[in-house]
């Protein structure tokens, strides 16, 4: 089993960052507080190289709430309930005695519901503090609907009802934004070759990647050249797994390129071996993501060369972060048979 970490939509240079939440309209103070807290804690948990530095950050992540509203209303809805729907007379064929049995089924039952429709829009900007370069910009929209039965009672939401919707919107919005800023992490069960490759597979199971590569590289060729596909597959896995632990996107890209190349050679030798295709596609996808991050980072480095940090006290100092009105726009820089695999 390996832990796969896909690349995020935007690379945060770091290592220190700060988050700020603004709003163009009055909001419950808990809303920006919850959004900032959720995003900071998740970034720190998923990227160990990052640290929060409110006053001396390398990267600034700013959020501007441009819309936050809730519209209540009362409507009639239906739900299914198991109810008695009739009776049936049943006669015993031996005794001739009749009896009545109740019949039940699921039916649609109307009820009066208070429905609160909430919406939220947030603009996110990621900026390199030293140069003022805008690394990423996007707008996120979220909707949430809450319905509860009110019976014959008042159809007016309480303050607690509205705050629940606002906080739920904020929580969902943080998840949407973090999907762009954080890598997705999940476990993947992989097949490890047995037979002549058993010892190398054991080394990889133990996380001894360098030792596994040394053993695989020194192995003699198989009698059937097509069976060389299995060492290629193993070498691909040896490069792919460590790639997901690399903090530097350039190192991650290098390891994934080697993984893809070895998976490709394995699939070319034995194209009918299904075991080779899934890891090949997986590594190719993450490599595609990582290439985007590397290109963006290379662009940032070129910008730093052409536009070095300016004197903060001079007339050309970088712009200060401030609330952004909804009508302002900015461009985003996106940036042989005993060798058959066993599940491991």
C-alpha atoms as a PDB file:
ATOM      1  CA  UNK A   1       0.000   0.000   0.000  1.00  0.00           C
ATOM      2  CA  UNK A   2       1.272   3.465  -0.844  1.00  0.00           C
ATOM      3  CA  UNK A   3       0.045   6.886   0.175  1.00  0.00           C
ATOM      4  CA  UNK A   4      -0.781   8.959  -2.888  1.00  0.00           C
ATOM      5  CA  UNK A   5      -0.600  12.739  -2.659  1.00  0.00           C
ATOM      6  CA  UNK A   6      -1.974  14.569  -5.663  1.00  0.00           C
ATOM      7  CA  UNK A   7      -0.659  18.048  -6.326  1.00  0.00           C
ATOM      8  CA  UNK A   8      -2.815  21.032  -5.337  1.00  0.00           C
ATOM      9  CA  UNK A   9      -4.190  23.481  -7.877  1.00  0.00           C
ATOM     10  CA  UNK A  10      -1.835  26.209  -6.692  1.00  0.00           C
ATOM     11  CA  UNK A  11       1.604  25.912  -5.120  1.00  0.00           C
ATOM     12  CA  UNK A  12       2.146  27.887  -1.923  1.00  0.00           C
ATOM     13  CA  UNK A  13       5.841  28.908  -1.910  1.00  0.00           C
ATOM     14  CA  UNK A  14       5.997  29.448   1.835  1.00  0.00           C
ATOM     15  CA  UNK A  15       7.433  28.326   4.049  1.00  0.00           C
ATOM     16  CA  UNK A  16       5.642  30.955   6.138  1.00  0.00           C
ATOM     17  CA  UNK A  17       2.173  32.200   5.279  1.00  0.00           C
ATOM     18  CA  UNK A  18      -0.605  34.311   6.658  1.00  0.00           C
ATOM     19  CA  UNK A  19      -4.328  34.283   6.020  1.00  0.00           C
ATOM     20  CA  UNK A  20      -6.621  37.285   6.149  1.00  0.00           C
ATOM     21  CA  UNK A  21     -10.392  37.388   5.741  1.00  0.00           C
ATOM     22  CA  UNK A  22     -12.177  40.550   4.693  1.00  0.00           C
ATOM     23  CA  UNK A  23     -15.810  41.239   3.903  1.00  0.00           C
ATOM     24  CA  UNK A  24     -17.536  43.890   1.832  1.00  0.00           C
ATOM     25  CA  UNK A  25     -20.615  43.695   4.071  1.00  0.00           C
ATOM     26  CA  UNK A  26     -21.324  43.142   7.771  1.00  0.00           C
ATOM     27  CA  UNK A  27     -21.156  39.467   8.758  1.00  0.00           C
ATOM     28  CA  UNK A  28     -21.261  37.433  11.934  1.00  0.00           C
ATOM     29  CA  UNK A  29     -17.702  37.661  13.386  1.00  0.00           C
ATOM     30  CA  UNK A  30     -17.684  33.876  13.722  1.00  0.00           C
ATOM     31  CA  UNK A  31     -17.807  33.520   9.903  1.00  0.00           C
ATOM     32  CA  UNK A  32     -14.348  34.960   9.024  1.00  0.00           C
ATOM     33  CA  UNK A  33     -12.931  33.438  12.210  1.00  0.00           C
ATOM     34  CA  UNK A  34     -14.130  29.935  11.247  1.00  0.00           C
ATOM     35  CA  UNK A  35     -12.935  30.280   7.645  1.00  0.00           C
ATOM     36  CA  UNK A  36      -9.469  31.424   8.679  1.00  0.00           C
ATOM     37  CA  UNK A  37      -9.165  28.725  11.347  1.00  0.00           C
ATOM     38  CA  UNK A  38     -10.299  25.884   9.045  1.00  0.00           C
ATOM     39  CA  UNK A  39      -7.946  26.846   6.225  1.00  0.00           C
ATOM     40  CA  UNK A  40      -4.894  27.429   8.421  1.00  0.00           C
ATOM     41  CA  UNK A  41      -5.283  24.168  10.360  1.00  0.00           C
ATOM     42  CA  UNK A  42      -5.791  22.097   7.202  1.00  0.00           C
ATOM     43  CA  UNK A  43      -2.824  23.669   5.382  1.00  0.00           C
ATOM     44  CA  UNK A  44      -0.543  23.005   8.353  1.00  0.00           C
ATOM     45  CA  UNK A  45      -1.776  19.407   8.640  1.00  0.00           C
ATOM     46  CA  UNK A  46      -1.359  18.575   4.931  1.00  0.00           C
ATOM     47  CA  UNK A  47       1.891  20.427   4.161  1.00  0.00           C
ATOM     48  CA  UNK A  48       4.547  20.014   6.902  1.00  0.00           C
ATOM     49  CA  UNK A  49       6.853  22.643   5.412  1.00  0.00           C
ATOM     50  CA  UNK A  50       4.355  25.463   6.023  1.00  0.00           C
ATOM     51  CA  UNK A  51       4.191  27.644   9.125  1.00  0.00           C
ATOM     52  CA  UNK A  52       1.837  30.448  10.100  1.00  0.00           C
ATOM     53  CA  UNK A  53       3.490  33.844  10.467  1.00  0.00           C
ATOM     54  CA  UNK A  54       0.935  36.674  10.778  1.00  0.00           C
ATOM     55  CA  UNK A  55       3.500  39.485  10.699  1.00  0.00           C
ATOM     56  CA  UNK A  56       6.476  38.191   8.673  1.00  0.00           C
ATOM     57  CA  UNK A  57       5.000  35.870   6.047  1.00  0.00           C
ATOM     58  CA  UNK A  58       6.441  34.838   2.694  1.00  0.00           C
ATOM     59  CA  UNK A  59       3.006  34.143   1.192  1.00  0.00           C
ATOM     60  CA  UNK A  60      -0.247  35.945   1.832  1.00  0.00           C
ATOM     61  CA  UNK A  61      -3.595  34.211   1.342  1.00  0.00           C
ATOM     62  CA  UNK A  62      -6.421  36.732   1.340  1.00  0.00           C
ATOM     63  CA  UNK A  63     -10.143  36.013   1.252  1.00  0.00           C
ATOM     64  CA  UNK A  64     -12.830  38.567   0.562  1.00  0.00           C
ATOM     65  CA  UNK A  65     -16.438  37.669   1.307  1.00  0.00           C
ATOM     66  CA  UNK A  66     -18.391  39.431  -1.435  1.00  0.00           C
ATOM     67  CA  UNK A  67     -21.788  37.872  -0.745  1.00  0.00           C
ATOM     68  CA  UNK A  68     -23.378  36.155   2.235  1.00  0.00           C
ATOM     69  CA  UNK A  69     -27.145  35.950   2.478  1.00  0.00           C
ATOM     70  CA  UNK A  70     -29.988  33.684   3.538  1.00  0.00           C
ATOM     71  CA  UNK A  71     -33.562  33.668   2.200  1.00  0.00           C
ATOM     72  CA  UNK A  72     -36.187  31.976   4.392  1.00  0.00           C
ATOM     73  CA  UNK A  73     -39.541  30.700   3.209  1.00  0.00           C
ATOM     74  CA  UNK A  74     -42.309  28.264   4.067  1.00  0.00           C
ATOM     75  CA  UNK A  75     -43.314  25.548   1.636  1.00  0.00           C
ATOM     76  CA  UNK A  76     -45.168  22.264   1.582  1.00  0.00           C
ATOM     77  CA  UNK A  77     -42.985  19.238   1.139  1.00  0.00           C
ATOM     78  CA  UNK A  78     -43.617  15.486   1.179  1.00  0.00           C
ATOM     79  CA  UNK A  79     -41.867  12.589   2.836  1.00  0.00           C
ATOM     80  CA  UNK A  80     -42.510   8.843   2.804  1.00  0.00           C
ATOM     81  CA  UNK A  81     -44.019   7.203   5.858  1.00  0.00           C
ATOM     82  CA  UNK A  82     -45.032   3.599   6.528  1.00  0.00           C
ATOM     83  CA  UNK A  83     -48.742   3.756   7.199  1.00  0.00           C
ATOM     84  CA  UNK A  84     -51.888   1.671   7.179  1.00  0.00           C
ATOM     85  CA  UNK A  85     -53.442   1.924   3.742  1.00  0.00           C
ATOM     86  CA  UNK A  86     -56.400  -0.447   4.035  1.00  0.00           C
ATOM     87  CA  UNK A  87     -57.746  -3.805   5.147  1.00  0.00           C
ATOM     88  CA  UNK A  88     -58.045  -7.184   3.498  1.00  0.00           C
ATOM     89  CA  UNK A  89     -60.333 -10.105   4.322  1.00  0.00           C
ATOM     90  CA  UNK A  90     -58.512 -13.435   4.400  1.00  0.00           C
ATOM     91  CA  UNK A  91     -60.400 -16.779   4.486  1.00  0.00           C
ATOM     92  CA  UNK A  92     -58.773 -19.967   5.751  1.00  0.00           C
ATOM     93  CA  UNK A  93     -59.393 -22.586   2.991  1.00  0.00           C
ATOM     94  CA  UNK A  94     -59.478 -25.464   5.504  1.00  0.00           C
ATOM     95  CA  UNK A  95     -61.765 -24.057   8.160  1.00  0.00           C
ATOM     96  CA  UNK A  96     -63.617 -21.445   6.120  1.00  0.00           C
ATOM     97  CA  UNK A  97     -63.032 -18.883   8.878  1.00  0.00           C
ATOM     98  CA  UNK A  98     -62.461 -15.332   7.694  1.00  0.00           C
ATOM     99  CA  UNK A  99     -60.398 -12.628   9.352  1.00  0.00           C
ATOM    100  CA  UNK A 100     -59.441  -9.046   8.585  1.00  0.00           C
ATOM    101  CA  UNK A 101     -55.782  -8.055   8.170  1.00  0.00           C
ATOM    102  CA  UNK A 102     -54.417  -4.509   8.041  1.00  0.00           C
ATOM    103  CA  UNK A 103     -52.429  -3.537   4.943  1.00  0.00           C
ATOM    104  CA  UNK A 104     -49.402  -1.217   5.200  1.00  0.00           C
ATOM    105  CA  UNK A 105     -47.193   0.509   2.630  1.00  0.00           C
ATOM    106  CA  UNK A 106     -45.074   3.628   2.169  1.00  0.00           C
ATOM    107  CA  UNK A 107     -47.051   6.707   1.191  1.00  0.00           C
ATOM    108  CA  UNK A 108     -46.174  10.344   0.527  1.00  0.00           C
ATOM    109  CA  UNK A 109     -47.192  12.545   3.431  1.00  0.00           C
ATOM    110  CA  UNK A 110     -47.188  16.355   3.117  1.00  0.00           C
ATOM    111  CA  UNK A 111     -45.732  18.556   5.818  1.00  0.00           C
ATOM    112  CA  UNK A 112     -45.073  22.259   6.340  1.00  0.00           C
ATOM    113  CA  UNK A 113     -41.377  23.136   6.244  1.00  0.00           C
ATOM    114  CA  UNK A 114     -39.310  26.218   6.942  1.00  0.00           C
ATOM    115  CA  UNK A 115     -36.655  26.354   4.217  1.00  0.00           C
ATOM    116  CA  UNK A 116     -33.612  28.602   4.455  1.00  0.00           C
ATOM    117  CA  UNK A 117     -31.650  29.009   1.223  1.00  0.00           C
ATOM    118  CA  UNK A 118     -28.151  30.362   1.860  1.00  0.00           C
ATOM    119  CA  UNK A 119     -25.482  31.563  -0.547  1.00  0.00           C
ATOM    120  CA  UNK A 120     -21.897  32.701  -0.171  1.00  0.00           C
ATOM    121  CA  UNK A 121     -19.246  34.068  -2.539  1.00  0.00           C
ATOM    122  CA  UNK A 122     -15.575  34.431  -1.673  1.00  0.00           C
ATOM    123  CA  UNK A 123     -12.678  35.787  -3.676  1.00  0.00           C
ATOM    124  CA  UNK A 124      -9.311  34.155  -2.930  1.00  0.00           C
ATOM    125  CA  UNK A 125      -5.930  35.692  -3.740  1.00  0.00           C
ATOM    126  CA  UNK A 126      -2.490  34.184  -3.107  1.00  0.00           C
ATOM    127  CA  UNK A 127       0.337  36.720  -3.241  1.00  0.00           C
ATOM    128  CA  UNK A 128       4.098  36.544  -2.908  1.00  0.00           C
ATOM    129  CA  UNK A 129       4.742  39.091  -0.170  1.00  0.00           C
ATOM    130  CA  UNK A 130       8.289  40.050  -1.177  1.00  0.00           C
ATOM    131  CA  UNK A 131       7.475  40.885  -4.792  1.00  0.00           C
ATOM    132  CA  UNK A 132       3.744  41.577  -4.666  1.00  0.00           C
ATOM    133  CA  UNK A 133       3.241  39.062  -7.499  1.00  0.00           C
ATOM    134  CA  UNK A 134      -0.268  37.633  -7.629  1.00  0.00           C
ATOM    135  CA  UNK A 135       0.229  33.863  -7.779  1.00  0.00           C
ATOM    136  CA  UNK A 136      -3.411  32.792  -7.845  1.00  0.00           C
ATOM    137  CA  UNK A 137      -6.835  34.346  -7.932  1.00  0.00           C
ATOM    138  CA  UNK A 138     -10.283  32.787  -8.157  1.00  0.00           C
ATOM    139  CA  UNK A 139     -13.856  33.212  -6.987  1.00  0.00           C
ATOM    140  CA  UNK A 140     -15.793  30.491  -5.188  1.00  0.00           C
ATOM    141  CA  UNK A 141     -19.576  30.234  -4.862  1.00  0.00           C
ATOM    142  CA  UNK A 142     -21.373  27.992  -2.401  1.00  0.00           C
ATOM    143  CA  UNK A 143     -25.048  27.287  -1.690  1.00  0.00           C
ATOM    144  CA  UNK A 144     -26.701  25.497   1.195  1.00  0.00           C
ATOM    145  CA  UNK A 145     -30.303  24.661   1.938  1.00  0.00           C
ATOM    146  CA  UNK A 146     -31.698  23.810   5.355  1.00  0.00           C
ATOM    147  CA  UNK A 147     -35.274  22.581   5.824  1.00  0.00           C
ATOM    148  CA  UNK A 148     -37.070  21.688   9.038  1.00  0.00           C
ATOM    149  CA  UNK A 149     -40.661  20.908   9.863  1.00  0.00           C
ATOM    150  CA  UNK A 150     -42.522  23.726  11.560  1.00  0.00           C
ATOM    151  CA  UNK A 151     -46.010  22.251  11.723  1.00  0.00           C
ATOM    152  CA  UNK A 152     -48.504  25.017  12.470  1.00  0.00           C
ATOM    153  CA  UNK A 153     -45.887  27.172  14.175  1.00  0.00           C
ATOM    154  CA  UNK A 154     -44.357  30.441  12.920  1.00  0.00           C
ATOM    155  CA  UNK A 155     -42.575  30.345   9.582  1.00  0.00           C
ATOM    156  CA  UNK A 156     -39.897  32.814  10.651  1.00  0.00           C
ATOM    157  CA  UNK A 157     -36.296  31.674  11.223  1.00  0.00           C
ATOM    158  CA  UNK A 158     -34.613  32.491  14.486  1.00  0.00           C
ATOM    159  CA  UNK A 159     -31.198  34.101  14.789  1.00  0.00           C
ATOM    160  CA  UNK A 160     -29.765  30.689  15.672  1.00  0.00           C
ATOM    161  CA  UNK A 161     -31.302  29.206  12.495  1.00  0.00           C
ATOM    162  CA  UNK A 162     -29.645  31.860  10.318  1.00  0.00           C
ATOM    163  CA  UNK A 163     -26.293  31.559  12.100  1.00  0.00           C
ATOM    164  CA  UNK A 164     -26.373  27.782  11.595  1.00  0.00           C
ATOM    165  CA  UNK A 165     -26.794  28.311   7.843  1.00  0.00           C
ATOM    166  CA  UNK A 166     -24.042  30.937   7.707  1.00  0.00           C
ATOM    167  CA  UNK A 167     -21.563  28.720   9.564  1.00  0.00           C
ATOM    168  CA  UNK A 168     -22.481  25.709   7.436  1.00  0.00           C
ATOM    169  CA  UNK A 169     -21.854  27.783   4.304  1.00  0.00           C
ATOM    170  CA  UNK A 170     -18.504  28.901   5.722  1.00  0.00           C
ATOM    171  CA  UNK A 171     -17.460  25.340   6.510  1.00  0.00           C
ATOM    172  CA  UNK A 172     -18.404  24.127   3.004  1.00  0.00           C
ATOM    173  CA  UNK A 173     -16.683  27.129   1.424  1.00  0.00           C
ATOM    174  CA  UNK A 174     -13.440  26.345   3.273  1.00  0.00           C
ATOM    175  CA  UNK A 175     -13.565  22.791   1.882  1.00  0.00           C
ATOM    176  CA  UNK A 176     -13.966  24.127  -1.685  1.00  0.00           C
ATOM    177  CA  UNK A 177     -11.036  26.500  -1.353  1.00  0.00           C
ATOM    178  CA  UNK A 178      -8.818  23.900   0.333  1.00  0.00           C
ATOM    179  CA  UNK A 179      -9.447  21.557  -2.608  1.00  0.00           C
ATOM    180  CA  UNK A 180      -7.333  24.026  -4.627  1.00  0.00           C
ATOM    181  CA  UNK A 181      -4.712  24.856  -1.999  1.00  0.00           C
ATOM    182  CA  UNK A 182      -4.123  21.369  -0.521  1.00  0.00           C
ATOM    183  CA  UNK A 183      -2.992  18.053  -1.986  1.00  0.00           C
ATOM    184  CA  UNK A 184      -5.495  15.203  -1.854  1.00  0.00           C
ATOM    185  CA  UNK A 185      -4.127  12.293   0.181  1.00  0.00           C
ATOM    186  CA  UNK A 186      -5.422   8.739  -0.102  1.00  0.00           C
ATOM    187  CA  UNK A 187      -4.123   5.160   0.234  1.00  0.00           C
ATOM    188  CA  UNK A 188      -3.726   2.896  -2.769  1.00  0.00           C
ATOM    189  CA  UNK A 189      -3.247  -0.893  -2.658  1.00  0.00           C
ATOM    190  CA  UNK A 190      -0.497  -1.919  -5.079  1.00  0.00           C
ATOM    191  CA  UNK A 191       0.593  -5.301  -6.457  1.00  0.00           C
ATOM    192  CA  UNK A 192       4.160  -6.408  -5.757  1.00  0.00           C
ATOM    193  CA  UNK A 193       5.869  -9.028  -7.972  1.00  0.00           C
ATOM    194  CA  UNK A 194       6.867 -12.333  -6.405  1.00  0.00           C
ATOM    195  CA  UNK A 195       9.244 -15.081  -7.637  1.00  0.00           C
ATOM    196  CA  UNK A 196      12.676 -13.693  -8.499  1.00  0.00           C
ATOM    197  CA  UNK A 197      11.531 -10.220  -7.444  1.00  0.00           C
ATOM    198  CA  UNK A 198      10.284 -11.272  -4.026  1.00  0.00           C
ATOM    199  CA  UNK A 199      13.238  -9.849  -2.093  1.00  0.00           C
ATOM    200  CA  UNK A 200      12.985  -6.487  -3.841  1.00  0.00           C
ATOM    201  CA  UNK A 201       9.260  -6.418  -3.086  1.00  0.00           C
ATOM    202  CA  UNK A 202       9.969  -7.052   0.592  1.00  0.00           C
ATOM    203  CA  UNK A 203      12.385  -4.126   0.647  1.00  0.00           C
ATOM    204  CA  UNK A 204       9.760  -1.829  -0.876  1.00  0.00           C
ATOM    205  CA  UNK A 205       7.165  -3.047   1.606  1.00  0.00           C
ATOM    206  CA  UNK A 206       9.553  -1.915   4.337  1.00  0.00           C
ATOM    207  CA  UNK A 207      10.089   1.473   2.683  1.00  0.00           C
ATOM    208  CA  UNK A 208      13.722   0.680   1.799  1.00  0.00           C
ATOM    209  CA  UNK A 209      13.480   2.272  -1.631  1.00  0.00           C
ATOM    210  CA  UNK A 210      17.200   2.824  -2.319  1.00  0.00           C
ATOM    211  CA  UNK A 211      18.067  -0.760  -1.346  1.00  0.00           C
ATOM    212  CA  UNK A 212      15.250  -2.043  -3.558  1.00  0.00           C
ATOM    213  CA  UNK A 213      16.517  -0.030  -6.534  1.00  0.00           C
ATOM    214  CA  UNK A 214      20.069  -1.330  -6.024  1.00  0.00           C
ATOM    215  CA  UNK A 215      18.809  -4.934  -6.000  1.00  0.00           C
ATOM    216  CA  UNK A 216      16.537  -4.450  -9.016  1.00  0.00           C
ATOM    217  CA  UNK A 217      19.267  -2.721 -11.036  1.00  0.00           C
ATOM    218  CA  UNK A 218      21.738  -5.557 -10.422  1.00  0.00           C
ATOM    219  CA  UNK A 219      19.384  -8.375 -11.428  1.00  0.00           C
ATOM    220  CA  UNK A 220      20.230 -10.360 -14.595  1.00  0.00           C
ATOM    221  CA  UNK A 221      17.811 -10.228 -17.502  1.00  0.00           C
ATOM    222  CA  UNK A 222      15.043 -12.824 -17.705  1.00  0.00           C
ATOM    223  CA  UNK A 223      15.165 -15.651 -20.275  1.00  0.00           C
ATOM    224  CA  UNK A 224      12.007 -14.277 -21.851  1.00  0.00           C
ATOM    225  CA  UNK A 225      12.701 -10.584 -22.610  1.00  0.00           C
ATOM    226  CA  UNK A 226       9.015  -9.788 -22.074  1.00  0.00           C
ATOM    227  CA  UNK A 227       9.352 -10.764 -18.407  1.00  0.00           C
ATOM    228  CA  UNK A 228      11.644  -7.785 -17.954  1.00  0.00           C
ATOM    229  CA  UNK A 229       8.351  -5.912 -17.658  1.00  0.00           C
ATOM    230  CA  UNK A 230       8.142  -6.899 -13.989  1.00  0.00           C
ATOM    231  CA  UNK A 231      11.455  -5.306 -12.927  1.00  0.00           C
ATOM    232  CA  UNK A 232      10.463  -2.191 -14.873  1.00  0.00           C
ATOM    233  CA  UNK A 233       7.158  -2.134 -13.019  1.00  0.00           C
ATOM    234  CA  UNK A 234       8.913  -2.521  -9.672  1.00  0.00           C
ATOM    235  CA  UNK A 235      11.361   0.280 -10.480  1.00  0.00           C
ATOM    236  CA  UNK A 236       8.424   2.478 -11.463  1.00  0.00           C
ATOM    237  CA  UNK A 237       6.806   1.815  -8.102  1.00  0.00           C
ATOM    238  CA  UNK A 238      10.107   2.502  -6.361  1.00  0.00           C
ATOM    239  CA  UNK A 239      10.125   6.006  -7.873  1.00  0.00           C
ATOM    240  CA  UNK A 240       6.414   6.734  -7.567  1.00  0.00           C
ATOM    241  CA  UNK A 241       5.980   6.059  -3.846  1.00  0.00           C
ATOM    242  CA  UNK A 242       8.796   8.383  -2.643  1.00  0.00           C
ATOM    243  CA  UNK A 243       7.594  11.071  -5.062  1.00  0.00           C
ATOM    244  CA  UNK A 244       4.487  11.612  -2.938  1.00  0.00           C
ATOM    245  CA  UNK A 245       6.635  12.388   0.100  1.00  0.00           C
ATOM    246  CA  UNK A 246       8.802  14.949  -1.689  1.00  0.00           C
ATOM    247  CA  UNK A 247       8.128  18.487  -0.471  1.00  0.00           C
ATOM    248  CA  UNK A 248       9.923  20.115  -3.414  1.00  0.00           C
ATOM    249  CA  UNK A 249       7.790  19.977  -6.602  1.00  0.00           C
ATOM    250  CA  UNK A 250      10.927  19.765  -8.753  1.00  0.00           C
ATOM    251  CA  UNK A 251      12.038  16.598  -6.922  1.00  0.00           C
ATOM    252  CA  UNK A 252       8.498  15.222  -7.112  1.00  0.00           C
ATOM    253  CA  UNK A 253       8.422  15.875 -10.862  1.00  0.00           C
ATOM    254  CA  UNK A 254      11.773  14.081 -11.376  1.00  0.00           C
ATOM    255  CA  UNK A 255      10.662  10.979  -9.457  1.00  0.00           C
ATOM    256  CA  UNK A 256       7.300  10.845 -11.237  1.00  0.00           C
ATOM    257  CA  UNK A 257       8.946  11.164 -14.650  1.00  0.00           C
ATOM    258  CA  UNK A 258      11.122   8.144 -13.828  1.00  0.00           C
ATOM    259  CA  UNK A 259       8.089   6.246 -12.548  1.00  0.00           C
ATOM    260  CA  UNK A 260       6.061   6.971 -15.698  1.00  0.00           C
ATOM    261  CA  UNK A 261       8.969   5.964 -17.949  1.00  0.00           C
ATOM    262  CA  UNK A 262       9.385   2.580 -16.218  1.00  0.00           C
ATOM    263  CA  UNK A 263       5.630   1.915 -16.096  1.00  0.00           C
ATOM    264  CA  UNK A 264       5.469   2.719 -19.827  1.00  0.00           C
ATOM    265  CA  UNK A 265       8.287   0.273 -20.624  1.00  0.00           C
ATOM    266  CA  UNK A 266       6.584  -2.429 -18.553  1.00  0.00           C
ATOM    267  CA  UNK A 267       3.259  -1.880 -20.363  1.00  0.00           C
ATOM    268  CA  UNK A 268       4.967  -1.955 -23.765  1.00  0.00           C
ATOM    269  CA  UNK A 269       6.572  -5.336 -23.016  1.00  0.00           C
ATOM    270  CA  UNK A 270       3.361  -6.878 -21.641  1.00  0.00           C
ATOM    271  CA  UNK A 271       0.395  -4.766 -22.760  1.00  0.00           C
ATOM    272  CA  UNK A 272      -2.120  -7.386 -21.615  1.00  0.00           C
ATOM    273  CA  UNK A 273      -0.917  -7.214 -18.018  1.00  0.00           C
ATOM    274  CA  UNK A 274      -3.626  -5.114 -16.400  1.00  0.00           C
ATOM    275  CA  UNK A 275      -1.538  -4.568 -13.276  1.00  0.00           C
ATOM    276  CA  UNK A 276       0.697  -2.110 -15.136  1.00  0.00           C
ATOM    277  CA  UNK A 277      -1.926   0.273 -16.496  1.00  0.00           C
ATOM    278  CA  UNK A 278      -3.541   1.691 -13.336  1.00  0.00           C
ATOM    279  CA  UNK A 279      -0.269   2.870 -11.750  1.00  0.00           C
ATOM    280  CA  UNK A 280       0.869   4.253 -15.100  1.00  0.00           C
ATOM    281  CA  UNK A 281      -2.287   6.374 -15.438  1.00  0.00           C
ATOM    282  CA  UNK A 282      -2.106   7.407 -11.790  1.00  0.00           C
ATOM    283  CA  UNK A 283       1.500   8.571 -12.025  1.00  0.00           C
ATOM    284  CA  UNK A 284       0.842  10.338 -15.347  1.00  0.00           C
ATOM    285  CA  UNK A 285      -2.043  12.291 -13.838  1.00  0.00           C
ATOM    286  CA  UNK A 286      -0.103  13.465 -10.800  1.00  0.00           C
ATOM    287  CA  UNK A 287       2.860  14.300 -13.047  1.00  0.00           C
ATOM    288  CA  UNK A 288       0.575  16.467 -15.177  1.00  0.00           C
ATOM    289  CA  UNK A 289      -0.536  18.308 -12.053  1.00  0.00           C
ATOM    290  CA  UNK A 290       3.014  18.696 -10.812  1.00  0.00           C
ATOM    291  CA  UNK A 291       4.208  20.046 -14.160  1.00  0.00           C
ATOM    292  CA  UNK A 292       1.747  22.893 -13.729  1.00  0.00           C
ATOM    293  CA  UNK A 293       3.122  23.731 -10.300  1.00  0.00           C
ATOM    294  CA  UNK A 294       6.724  23.577 -11.509  1.00  0.00           C
ATOM    295  CA  UNK A 295       5.923  25.894 -14.419  1.00  0.00           C
ATOM    296  CA  UNK A 296       4.268  28.349 -12.050  1.00  0.00           C
ATOM    297  CA  UNK A 297       7.178  28.269  -9.665  1.00  0.00           C
ATOM    298  CA  UNK A 298       9.672  28.760 -12.485  1.00  0.00           C
ATOM    299  CA  UNK A 299       7.636  31.777 -13.620  1.00  0.00           C
ATOM    300  CA  UNK A 300       7.737  33.181 -10.096  1.00  0.00           C
ATOM    301  CA  UNK A 301      11.515  32.791  -9.971  1.00  0.00           C
ATOM    302  CA  UNK A 302      11.865  34.627 -13.286  1.00  0.00           C
ATOM    303  CA  UNK A 303       9.653  37.423 -11.984  1.00  0.00           C
ATOM    304  CA  UNK A 304      11.815  37.707  -8.871  1.00  0.00           C
ATOM    305  CA  UNK A 305      14.867  38.071 -11.126  1.00  0.00           C
ATOM    306  CA  UNK A 306      13.325  40.820 -13.194  1.00  0.00           C
ATOM    307  CA  UNK A 307      11.427  42.488 -10.355  1.00  0.00           C
ATOM    308  CA  UNK A 308      13.431  42.175  -7.112  1.00  0.00           C
ATOM    309  CA  UNK A 309      11.925  43.141  -3.761  1.00  0.00           C
ATOM    310  CA  UNK A 310      11.299  46.852  -3.548  1.00  0.00           C
ATOM    311  CA  UNK A 311      11.951  49.159  -0.639  1.00  0.00           C
ATOM    312  CA  UNK A 312       8.782  48.995   1.415  1.00  0.00           C
ATOM    313  CA  UNK A 313       9.101  52.670   2.284  1.00  0.00           C
ATOM    314  CA  UNK A 314       9.528  53.915  -1.269  1.00  0.00           C
ATOM    315  CA  UNK A 315       6.833  55.127  -3.695  1.00  0.00           C
ATOM    316  CA  UNK A 316       6.950  51.811  -5.617  1.00  0.00           C
ATOM    317  CA  UNK A 317       6.337  49.608  -2.577  1.00  0.00           C
ATOM    318  CA  UNK A 318       4.088  46.634  -3.135  1.00  0.00           C
ATOM    319  CA  UNK A 319       0.389  47.159  -2.689  1.00  0.00           C
ATOM    320  CA  UNK A 320      -1.110  46.484   0.714  1.00  0.00           C
ATOM    321  CA  UNK A 321      -3.820  43.840   0.964  1.00  0.00           C
ATOM    322  CA  UNK A 322      -7.279  45.269   1.426  1.00  0.00           C
ATOM    323  CA  UNK A 323     -10.928  44.313   0.991  1.00  0.00           C
ATOM    324  CA  UNK A 324     -11.901  43.902  -2.643  1.00  0.00           C
ATOM    325  CA  UNK A 325     -15.214  45.058  -3.994  1.00  0.00           C
ATOM    326  CA  UNK A 326     -17.339  42.574  -6.007  1.00  0.00           C
ATOM    327  CA  UNK A 327     -16.865  44.469  -9.275  1.00  0.00           C
ATOM    328  CA  UNK A 328     -13.079  44.383  -9.173  1.00  0.00           C
ATOM    329  CA  UNK A 329     -11.421  41.849 -11.465  1.00  0.00           C
ATOM    330  CA  UNK A 330      -7.974  40.255 -11.535  1.00  0.00           C
ATOM    331  CA  UNK A 331      -6.306  37.679 -13.788  1.00  0.00           C
ATOM    332  CA  UNK A 332      -5.270  34.334 -12.379  1.00  0.00           C
ATOM    333  CA  UNK A 333      -1.773  32.913 -12.970  1.00  0.00           C
ATOM    334  CA  UNK A 334      -2.368  29.215 -13.026  1.00  0.00           C
ATOM    335  CA  UNK A 335       0.516  29.198 -12.919  1.00  0.00           C
ATOM    336  CA  UNK A 336       8.202 -16.375 -16.401  1.00  0.00           C
ATOM    337  CA  UNK A 337       4.713 -17.338 -14.361  1.00  0.00           C
ATOM    338  CA  UNK A 338       6.100 -17.221 -10.836  1.00  0.00           C
ATOM    339  CA  UNK A 339       6.681 -13.565 -11.358  1.00  0.00           C
ATOM    340  CA  UNK A 340       2.991 -12.691 -11.391  1.00  0.00           C
ATOM    341  CA  UNK A 341       2.091  -9.868  -9.015  1.00  0.00           C
ATOM    342  CA  UNK A 342       0.459 -10.462  -5.664  1.00  0.00           C
ATOM    343  CA  UNK A 343      -1.628  -7.863  -3.908  1.00  0.00           C
ATOM    344  CA  UNK A 344       0.448  -6.068  -1.316  1.00  0.00           C
END
